[in-house]
Amino acid sequence: MLSGGLLRLPDQRLVFGESMERFI
């Protein structure tokens, strides 16, 4: 999931990459 540019951590924080910036 992280390699795809989006990951939700167990504490609900959201990790995102450049490919997902326009959606967030």
PDB file of all heavy atoms in Angstrom:
ATOM      1  N   MET A   1       0.837  -1.203   0.000  1.00  0.00           N
ATOM      2  CA  MET A   1       0.000   0.000   0.000  1.00  0.00           C
ATOM      3  C   MET A   1       0.869   1.250   0.000  1.00  0.00           C
ATOM      4  O   MET A   1       0.575   2.219  -0.710  1.00  0.00           O
ATOM      5  CB  MET A   1      -0.936   0.012   1.205  1.00  0.00           C
ATOM      6  CG  MET A   1      -2.101  -0.938   1.068  1.00  0.00           C
ATOM      7  SD  MET A   1      -3.363  -0.713   2.329  1.00  0.00           S
ATOM      8  CE  MET A   1      -2.464  -0.943   3.838  1.00  0.00           C
ATOM      9  N   LEU A   2       1.933   1.243   0.792  1.00  0.00           N
ATOM     10  CA  LEU A   2       2.833   2.397   0.846  1.00  0.00           C
ATOM     11  C   LEU A   2       3.467   2.639  -0.517  1.00  0.00           C
ATOM     12  O   LEU A   2       3.589   3.777  -0.950  1.00  0.00           O
ATOM     13  CB  LEU A   2       3.908   2.177   1.912  1.00  0.00           C
ATOM     14  CG  LEU A   2       4.935   3.282   2.069  1.00  0.00           C
ATOM     15  CD1 LEU A   2       4.258   4.603   2.430  1.00  0.00           C
ATOM     16  CD2 LEU A   2       5.951   2.902   3.132  1.00  0.00           C
ATOM     17  N   SER A   3       3.843   1.577  -1.207  1.00  0.00           N
ATOM     18  CA  SER A   3       4.447   1.745  -2.533  1.00  0.00           C
ATOM     19  C   SER A   3       3.442   2.318  -3.528  1.00  0.00           C
ATOM     20  O   SER A   3       3.830   2.913  -4.525  1.00  0.00           O
ATOM     21  CB  SER A   3       5.013   0.422  -3.037  1.00  0.00           C
ATOM     22  OG  SER A   3       3.963  -0.476  -3.353  1.00  0.00           O
ATOM     23  N   GLY A   4       2.156   2.160  -3.254  1.00  0.00           N
ATOM     24  CA  GLY A   4       1.127   2.736  -4.099  1.00  0.00           C
ATOM     25  C   GLY A   4       0.851   4.194  -3.801  1.00  0.00           C
ATOM     26  O   GLY A   4       0.052   4.840  -4.485  1.00  0.00           O
ATOM     27  N   GLY A   5       1.455   4.740  -2.757  1.00  0.00           N
ATOM     28  CA  GLY A   5       1.334   6.161  -2.463  1.00  0.00           C
ATOM     29  C   GLY A   5       0.294   6.523  -1.427  1.00  0.00           C
ATOM     30  O   GLY A   5       0.042   7.692  -1.187  1.00  0.00           O
ATOM     31  N   LEU A   6      -0.298   5.528  -0.758  1.00  0.00           N
ATOM     32  CA  LEU A   6      -1.311   5.836   0.247  1.00  0.00           C
ATOM     33  C   LEU A   6      -1.289   4.763   1.332  1.00  0.00           C
ATOM     34  O   LEU A   6      -1.300   3.577   1.035  1.00  0.00           O
ATOM     35  CB  LEU A   6      -2.695   5.891  -0.391  1.00  0.00           C
ATOM     36  CG  LEU A   6      -3.821   6.430   0.477  1.00  0.00           C
ATOM     37  CD1 LEU A   6      -3.579   7.898   0.807  1.00  0.00           C
ATOM     38  CD2 LEU A   6      -5.148   6.288  -0.245  1.00  0.00           C
ATOM     39  N   LEU A   7      -1.262   5.194   2.595  1.00  0.00           N
ATOM     40  CA  LEU A   7      -1.219   4.251   3.709  1.00  0.00           C
ATOM     41  C   LEU A   7      -1.905   4.866   4.915  1.00  0.00           C
ATOM     42  O   LEU A   7      -1.586   5.982   5.317  1.00  0.00           O
ATOM     43  CB  LEU A   7       0.242   3.925   4.063  1.00  0.00           C
ATOM     44  CG  LEU A   7       0.503   3.114   5.321  1.00  0.00           C
ATOM     45  CD1 LEU A   7      -0.066   1.708   5.179  1.00  0.00           C
ATOM     46  CD2 LEU A   7       1.989   3.044   5.621  1.00  0.00           C
ATOM     47  N   ARG A   8      -2.863   4.153   5.493  1.00  0.00           N
ATOM     48  CA  ARG A   8      -3.492   4.598   6.734  1.00  0.00           C
ATOM     49  C   ARG A   8      -2.830   3.846   7.879  1.00  0.00           C
ATOM     50  O   ARG A   8      -2.806   2.623   7.910  1.00  0.00           O
ATOM     51  CB  ARG A   8      -4.991   4.329   6.730  1.00  0.00           C
ATOM     52  CG  ARG A   8      -5.587   4.680   8.057  1.00  0.00           C
ATOM     53  CD  ARG A   8      -6.851   5.422   8.141  1.00  0.00           C
ATOM     54  NE  ARG A   8      -7.369   6.189   7.076  1.00  0.00           N
ATOM     55  CZ  ARG A   8      -7.497   7.515   7.113  1.00  0.00           C
ATOM     56  NH1 ARG A   8      -7.051   8.194   8.145  1.00  0.00           N
ATOM     57  NH2 ARG A   8      -8.057   8.152   6.134  1.00  0.00           N
ATOM     58  N   LEU A   9      -2.255   4.602   8.826  1.00  0.00           N
ATOM     59  CA  LEU A   9      -1.587   4.015   9.989  1.00  0.00           C
ATOM     60  C   LEU A   9      -2.618   3.583  11.022  1.00  0.00           C
ATOM     61  O   LEU A   9      -3.754   4.071  11.018  1.00  0.00           O
ATOM     62  CB  LEU A   9      -0.617   5.037  10.588  1.00  0.00           C
ATOM     63  CG  LEU A   9       0.500   5.506   9.651  1.00  0.00           C
ATOM     64  CD1 LEU A   9       1.282   6.644  10.284  1.00  0.00           C
ATOM     65  CD2 LEU A   9       1.414   4.358   9.294  1.00  0.00           C
ATOM     66  N   PRO A  10      -2.244   2.683  11.946  1.00  0.00           N
ATOM     67  CA  PRO A  10      -3.196   2.226  12.975  1.00  0.00           C
ATOM     68  C   PRO A  10      -3.778   3.354  13.825  1.00  0.00           C
ATOM     69  O   PRO A  10      -4.894   3.247  14.312  1.00  0.00           O
ATOM     70  CB  PRO A  10      -2.359   1.274  13.833  1.00  0.00           C
ATOM     71  CG  PRO A  10      -1.288   0.789  12.931  1.00  0.00           C
ATOM     72  CD  PRO A  10      -0.992   1.951  12.008  1.00  0.00           C
ATOM     73  N   ASP A  11      -3.033   4.461  13.995  1.00  0.00           N
ATOM     74  CA  ASP A  11      -3.552   5.586  14.790  1.00  0.00           C
ATOM     75  C   ASP A  11      -4.382   6.552  13.935  1.00  0.00           C
ATOM     76  O   ASP A  11      -4.679   7.660  14.349  1.00  0.00           O
ATOM     77  CB  ASP A  11      -2.423   6.321  15.495  1.00  0.00           C
ATOM     78  CG  ASP A  11      -1.424   6.931  14.530  1.00  0.00           C
ATOM     79  OD1 ASP A  11      -1.632   6.832  13.298  1.00  0.00           O
ATOM     80  OD2 ASP A  11      -0.437   7.505  15.000  1.00  0.00           O
ATOM     81  N   GLN A  12      -4.735   6.125  12.722  1.00  0.00           N
ATOM     82  CA  GLN A  12      -5.591   6.849  11.779  1.00  0.00           C
ATOM     83  C   GLN A  12      -4.908   7.986  11.034  1.00  0.00           C
ATOM     84  O   GLN A  12      -5.564   8.699  10.284  1.00  0.00           O
ATOM     85  CB  GLN A  12      -6.888   7.352  12.451  1.00  0.00           C
ATOM     86  CG  GLN A  12      -7.740   6.240  13.005  1.00  0.00           C
ATOM     87  CD  GLN A  12      -8.042   5.168  11.959  1.00  0.00           C
ATOM     88  OE1 GLN A  12      -8.529   5.461  10.893  1.00  0.00           O
ATOM     89  NE2 GLN A  12      -7.761   3.918  12.283  1.00  0.00           N
ATOM     90  N   ARG A  13      -3.606   8.193  11.231  1.00  0.00           N
ATOM     91  CA  ARG A  13      -2.903   9.174  10.403  1.00  0.00           C
ATOM     92  C   ARG A  13      -2.815   8.623   8.982  1.00  0.00           C
ATOM     93  O   ARG A  13      -2.804   7.415   8.771  1.00  0.00           O
ATOM     94  CB  ARG A  13      -1.502   9.450  10.942  1.00  0.00           C
ATOM     95  CG  ARG A  13      -1.522  10.202  12.260  1.00  0.00           C
ATOM     96  CD  ARG A  13      -0.130  10.463  12.760  1.00  0.00           C
ATOM     97  NE  ARG A  13       0.503   9.182  13.063  1.00  0.00           N
ATOM     98  CZ  ARG A  13       1.798   9.032  13.320  1.00  0.00           C
ATOM     99  NH1 ARG A  13       2.606  10.070  13.301  1.00  0.00           N
ATOM    100  NH2 ARG A  13       2.295   7.847  13.597  1.00  0.00           N
ATOM    101  N   LEU A  14      -2.757   9.514   8.016  1.00  0.00           N
ATOM    102  CA  LEU A  14      -2.739   9.124   6.615  1.00  0.00           C
ATOM    103  C   LEU A  14      -1.417   9.546   5.986  1.00  0.00           C
ATOM    104  O   LEU A  14      -1.039  10.716   6.041  1.00  0.00           O
ATOM    105  CB  LEU A  14      -3.899   9.779   5.871  1.00  0.00           C
ATOM    106  CG  LEU A  14      -4.094   9.387   4.421  1.00  0.00           C
ATOM    107  CD1 LEU A  14      -4.512   7.919   4.324  1.00  0.00           C
ATOM    108  CD2 LEU A  14      -5.141  10.268   3.774  1.00  0.00           C
ATOM    109  N   VAL A  15      -0.705   8.586   5.414  1.00  0.00           N
ATOM    110  CA  VAL A  15       0.535   8.837   4.696  1.00  0.00           C
ATOM    111  C   VAL A  15       0.186   8.864   3.211  1.00  0.00           C
ATOM    112  O   VAL A  15      -0.494   7.963   2.727  1.00  0.00           O
ATOM    113  CB  VAL A  15       1.570   7.725   4.987  1.00  0.00           C
ATOM    114  CG1 VAL A  15       2.823   7.918   4.159  1.00  0.00           C
ATOM    115  CG2 VAL A  15       1.909   7.668   6.465  1.00  0.00           C
ATOM    116  N   PHE A  16       0.634   9.895   2.505  1.00  0.00           N
ATOM    117  CA  PHE A  16       0.289   9.969   1.085  1.00  0.00           C
ATOM    118  C   PHE A  16       1.463  10.495   0.278  1.00  0.00           C
ATOM    119  O   PHE A  16       2.310  11.232   0.760  1.00  0.00           O
ATOM    120  CB  PHE A  16      -0.928  10.877   0.870  1.00  0.00           C
ATOM    121  CG  PHE A  16      -0.685  12.319   1.204  1.00  0.00           C
ATOM    122  CD1 PHE A  16      -0.349  13.216   0.207  1.00  0.00           C
ATOM    123  CD2 PHE A  16      -0.773  12.774   2.507  1.00  0.00           C
ATOM    124  CE1 PHE A  16      -0.112  14.552   0.507  1.00  0.00           C
ATOM    125  CE2 PHE A  16      -0.539  14.106   2.818  1.00  0.00           C
ATOM    126  CZ  PHE A  16      -0.204  14.996   1.815  1.00  0.00           C
ATOM    127  N   GLY A  17       1.510  10.083  -0.965  1.00  0.00           N
ATOM    128  CA  GLY A  17       2.561  10.515  -1.877  1.00  0.00           C
ATOM    129  C   GLY A  17       2.034  11.489  -2.909  1.00  0.00           C
ATOM    130  O   GLY A  17       0.851  11.835  -2.921  1.00  0.00           O
ATOM    131  N   GLU A  18       2.912  11.921  -3.801  1.00  0.00           N
ATOM    132  CA  GLU A  18       2.558  12.899  -4.822  1.00  0.00           C
ATOM    133  C   GLU A  18       1.397  12.441  -5.684  1.00  0.00           C
ATOM    134  O   GLU A  18       0.574  13.243  -6.101  1.00  0.00           O
ATOM    135  CB  GLU A  18       3.767  13.180  -5.714  1.00  0.00           C
ATOM    136  CG  GLU A  18       4.848  13.977  -5.049  1.00  0.00           C
ATOM    137  CD  GLU A  18       6.022  14.222  -5.985  1.00  0.00           C
ATOM    138  OE1 GLU A  18       5.929  13.861  -7.175  1.00  0.00           O
ATOM    139  OE2 GLU A  18       7.026  14.754  -5.514  1.00  0.00           O
ATOM    140  N   SER A  19       1.319  11.154  -5.949  1.00  0.00           N
ATOM    141  CA  SER A  19       0.260  10.648  -6.826  1.00  0.00           C
ATOM    142  C   SER A  19      -1.131  10.818  -6.208  1.00  0.00           C
ATOM    143  O   SER A  19      -2.122  10.788  -6.922  1.00  0.00           O
ATOM    144  CB  SER A  19       0.506   9.176  -7.147  1.00  0.00           C
ATOM    145  OG  SER A  19       0.457   8.404  -5.962  1.00  0.00           O
ATOM    146  N   MET A  20      -1.206  11.004  -4.894  1.00  0.00           N
ATOM    147  CA  MET A  20      -2.505  11.121  -4.224  1.00  0.00           C
ATOM    148  C   MET A  20      -2.814  12.543  -3.776  1.00  0.00           C
ATOM    149  O   MET A  20      -3.883  12.794  -3.245  1.00  0.00           O
ATOM    150  CB  MET A  20      -2.552  10.182  -3.017  1.00  0.00           C
ATOM    151  CG  MET A  20      -2.358   8.720  -3.344  1.00  0.00           C
ATOM    152  SD  MET A  20      -3.539   8.092  -4.541  1.00  0.00           S
ATOM    153  CE  MET A  20      -5.028   8.135  -3.598  1.00  0.00           C
ATOM    154  N   GLU A  21      -1.897  13.498  -3.981  1.00  0.00           N
ATOM    155  CA  GLU A  21      -2.088  14.858  -3.476  1.00  0.00           C
ATOM    156  C   GLU A  21      -3.366  15.517  -3.976  1.00  0.00           C
ATOM    157  O   GLU A  21      -4.030  16.223  -3.237  1.00  0.00           O
ATOM    158  CB  GLU A  21      -0.883  15.733  -3.840  1.00  0.00           C
ATOM    159  CG  GLU A  21       0.303  15.500  -2.948  1.00  0.00           C
ATOM    160  CD  GLU A  21       1.478  16.393  -3.310  1.00  0.00           C
ATOM    161  OE1 GLU A  21       1.414  17.110  -4.332  1.00  0.00           O
ATOM    162  OE2 GLU A  21       2.461  16.357  -2.564  1.00  0.00           O
ATOM    163  N   ARG A  22      -3.725  15.267  -5.208  1.00  0.00           N
ATOM    164  CA  ARG A  22      -4.910  15.938  -5.762  1.00  0.00           C
ATOM    165  C   ARG A  22      -6.211  15.420  -5.167  1.00  0.00           C
ATOM    166  O   ARG A  22      -7.246  16.054  -5.286  1.00  0.00           O
ATOM    167  CB  ARG A  22      -4.937  15.810  -7.278  1.00  0.00           C
ATOM    168  CG  ARG A  22      -5.015  14.385  -7.740  1.00  0.00           C
ATOM    169  CD  ARG A  22      -4.972  14.292  -9.226  1.00  0.00           C
ATOM    170  NE  ARG A  22      -4.854  12.879  -9.572  1.00  0.00           N
ATOM    171  CZ  ARG A  22      -4.765  12.428 -10.772  1.00  0.00           C
ATOM    172  NH1 ARG A  22      -4.772  13.255 -11.782  1.00  0.00           N
ATOM    173  NH2 ARG A  22      -4.664  11.140 -10.991  1.00  0.00           N
ATOM    174  N   PHE A  23      -6.189  14.265  -4.516  1.00  0.00           N
ATOM    175  CA  PHE A  23      -7.393  13.678  -3.922  1.00  0.00           C
ATOM    176  C   PHE A  23      -7.545  13.996  -2.439  1.00  0.00           C
ATOM    177  O   PHE A  23      -8.561  13.667  -1.845  1.00  0.00           O
ATOM    178  CB  PHE A  23      -7.388  12.154  -4.095  1.00  0.00           C
ATOM    179  CG  PHE A  23      -7.312  11.715  -5.520  1.00  0.00           C
ATOM    180  CD1 PHE A  23      -6.175  11.115  -6.013  1.00  0.00           C
ATOM    181  CD2 PHE A  23      -8.380  11.914  -6.382  1.00  0.00           C
ATOM    182  CE1 PHE A  23      -6.097  10.701  -7.328  1.00  0.00           C
ATOM    183  CE2 PHE A  23      -8.316  11.518  -7.703  1.00  0.00           C
ATOM    184  CZ  PHE A  23      -7.166  10.910  -8.179  1.00  0.00           C
ATOM    185  N   ILE A  24      -6.518  14.606  -1.833  1.00  0.00           N
ATOM    186  CA  ILE A  24      -6.499  14.797  -0.381  1.00  0.00           C
ATOM    187  C   ILE A  24      -6.471  16.281  -0.055  1.00  0.00           C
ATOM    188  O   ILE A  24      -5.644  17.027  -0.579  1.00  0.00           O
ATOM    189  CB  ILE A  24      -5.273  14.087   0.238  1.00  0.00           C
ATOM    190  CG1 ILE A  24      -5.375  12.589  -0.021  1.00  0.00           C
ATOM    191  CG2 ILE A  24      -5.176  14.362   1.720  1.00  0.00           C
ATOM    192  CD1 ILE A  24      -4.156  11.809   0.368  1.00  0.00           C
TER     193      ILE A  24
END
